Amino acid sequence: MKKGNKTMTKSELLQALADKLGKTRKEAGEMVEALVALAYATTKKEGEFTLPGLGKLVKKNRLARMG
């Protein structure tokens, strides 16, 4: 992982997960994509998605912005 203000790129995240889990980058990518799809679908349907130990996604309705 990187230190300081630099954020981890998607590629770096996938490589770190693959190394940690003993999987390929492709397999790690498939797991991340499945998690994102699950989080999105659950949040859209139920209004929130909790990932224990990490955080919660909450659907929020906002007024349209003036352009």
C-alpha atoms as a PDB file:
ATOM      1  CA  MET A   1       0.000   0.000   0.000  1.00  0.00           C
ATOM      2  CA  LYS A   2       1.064   3.552  -0.585  1.00  0.00           C
ATOM      3  CA  LYS A   3       1.844   6.072   2.100  1.00  0.00           C
ATOM      4  CA  GLY A   4       1.002   9.751   2.204  1.00  0.00           C
ATOM      5  CA  ASN A   5      -1.697  11.408   0.124  1.00  0.00           C
ATOM      6  CA  LYS A   6      -1.416   9.075  -2.853  1.00  0.00           C
ATOM      7  CA  THR A   7      -4.406   6.849  -3.399  1.00  0.00           C
ATOM      8  CA  MET A   8      -4.219   3.249  -4.537  1.00  0.00           C
ATOM      9  CA  THR A   9      -5.187   2.711  -8.177  1.00  0.00           C
ATOM     10  CA  LYS A  10      -7.591  -0.025  -9.184  1.00  0.00           C
ATOM     11  CA  SER A  11      -4.705  -1.969 -10.697  1.00  0.00           C
ATOM     12  CA  GLU A  12      -2.695  -1.712  -7.454  1.00  0.00           C
ATOM     13  CA  LEU A  13      -5.739  -2.778  -5.434  1.00  0.00           C
ATOM     14  CA  LEU A  14      -6.328  -5.823  -7.616  1.00  0.00           C
ATOM     15  CA  GLN A  15      -2.655  -6.822  -7.414  1.00  0.00           C
ATOM     16  CA  ALA A  16      -2.617  -6.427  -3.621  1.00  0.00           C
ATOM     17  CA  LEU A  17      -5.777  -8.534  -3.266  1.00  0.00           C
ATOM     18  CA  ALA A  18      -4.443 -11.179  -5.637  1.00  0.00           C
ATOM     19  CA  ASP A  19      -1.181 -11.401  -3.680  1.00  0.00           C
ATOM     20  CA  LYS A  20      -2.964 -11.527  -0.310  1.00  0.00           C
ATOM     21  CA  LEU A  21      -5.456 -14.199  -1.408  1.00  0.00           C
ATOM     22  CA  GLY A  22      -3.148 -16.270  -3.585  1.00  0.00           C
ATOM     23  CA  LYS A  23      -5.333 -15.638  -6.635  1.00  0.00           C
ATOM     24  CA  THR A  24      -4.716 -14.163 -10.070  1.00  0.00           C
ATOM     25  CA  ARG A  25      -5.416 -10.493 -10.827  1.00  0.00           C
ATOM     26  CA  LYS A  26      -8.292 -11.636 -13.022  1.00  0.00           C
ATOM     27  CA  GLU A  27      -9.852 -13.625 -10.168  1.00  0.00           C
ATOM     28  CA  ALA A  28      -9.370 -10.695  -7.776  1.00  0.00           C
ATOM     29  CA  GLY A  29     -10.983  -8.401 -10.344  1.00  0.00           C
ATOM     30  CA  GLU A  30     -13.970 -10.706 -10.676  1.00  0.00           C
ATOM     31  CA  MET A  31     -14.413 -10.724  -6.886  1.00  0.00           C
ATOM     32  CA  VAL A  32     -14.249  -6.923  -6.691  1.00  0.00           C
ATOM     33  CA  GLU A  33     -16.702  -6.535  -9.584  1.00  0.00           C
ATOM     34  CA  ALA A  34     -19.106  -9.002  -7.930  1.00  0.00           C
ATOM     35  CA  LEU A  35     -18.900  -7.073  -4.643  1.00  0.00           C
ATOM     36  CA  VAL A  36     -19.515  -3.746  -6.401  1.00  0.00           C
ATOM     37  CA  ALA A  37     -22.502  -5.174  -8.310  1.00  0.00           C
ATOM     38  CA  LEU A  38     -23.960  -6.628  -5.101  1.00  0.00           C
ATOM     39  CA  ALA A  39     -23.480  -3.351  -3.224  1.00  0.00           C
ATOM     40  CA  TYR A  40     -25.060  -1.322  -6.037  1.00  0.00           C
ATOM     41  CA  ALA A  41     -28.062  -3.621  -6.454  1.00  0.00           C
ATOM     42  CA  THR A  42     -28.705  -3.893  -2.716  1.00  0.00           C
ATOM     43  CA  THR A  43     -28.397  -0.141  -2.173  1.00  0.00           C
ATOM     44  CA  LYS A  44     -30.729   0.556  -5.080  1.00  0.00           C
ATOM     45  CA  LYS A  45     -33.320  -1.955  -3.811  1.00  0.00           C
ATOM     46  CA  GLU A  46     -33.109  -1.555  -0.019  1.00  0.00           C
ATOM     47  CA  GLY A  47     -31.669   1.935   0.354  1.00  0.00           C
ATOM     48  CA  GLU A  48     -28.448   0.849   2.052  1.00  0.00           C
ATOM     49  CA  PHE A  49     -25.670  -1.730   1.978  1.00  0.00           C
ATOM     50  CA  THR A  50     -23.424  -2.498   4.942  1.00  0.00           C
ATOM     51  CA  LEU A  51     -20.009  -4.043   4.500  1.00  0.00           C
ATOM     52  CA  PRO A  52     -19.135  -5.227   8.027  1.00  0.00           C
ATOM     53  CA  GLY A  53     -15.877  -3.773   9.277  1.00  0.00           C
ATOM     54  CA  LEU A  54     -15.683  -1.230   6.453  1.00  0.00           C
ATOM     55  CA  GLY A  55     -18.730   0.984   6.177  1.00  0.00           C
ATOM     56  CA  LYS A  56     -22.190   1.556   4.831  1.00  0.00           C
ATOM     57  CA  LEU A  57     -23.505   2.833   1.504  1.00  0.00           C
ATOM     58  CA  VAL A  58     -26.722   4.795   1.870  1.00  0.00           C
ATOM     59  CA  LYS A  59     -28.976   5.884  -0.980  1.00  0.00           C
ATOM     60  CA  LYS A  60     -29.758   9.577  -0.765  1.00  0.00           C
ATOM     61  CA  ASN A  61     -32.246  11.511  -2.848  1.00  0.00           C
ATOM     62  CA  ARG A  62     -31.041  14.941  -3.879  1.00  0.00           C
ATOM     63  CA  LEU A  63     -32.653  17.803  -5.710  1.00  0.00           C
ATOM     64  CA  ALA A  64     -31.526  18.443  -9.266  1.00  0.00           C
ATOM     65  CA  ARG A  65     -28.740  20.995  -9.641  1.00  0.00           C
ATOM     66  CA  MET A  66     -29.185  24.128 -11.672  1.00  0.00           C
ATOM     67  CA  GLY A  67     -26.818  24.256 -14.628  1.00  0.00           C
END
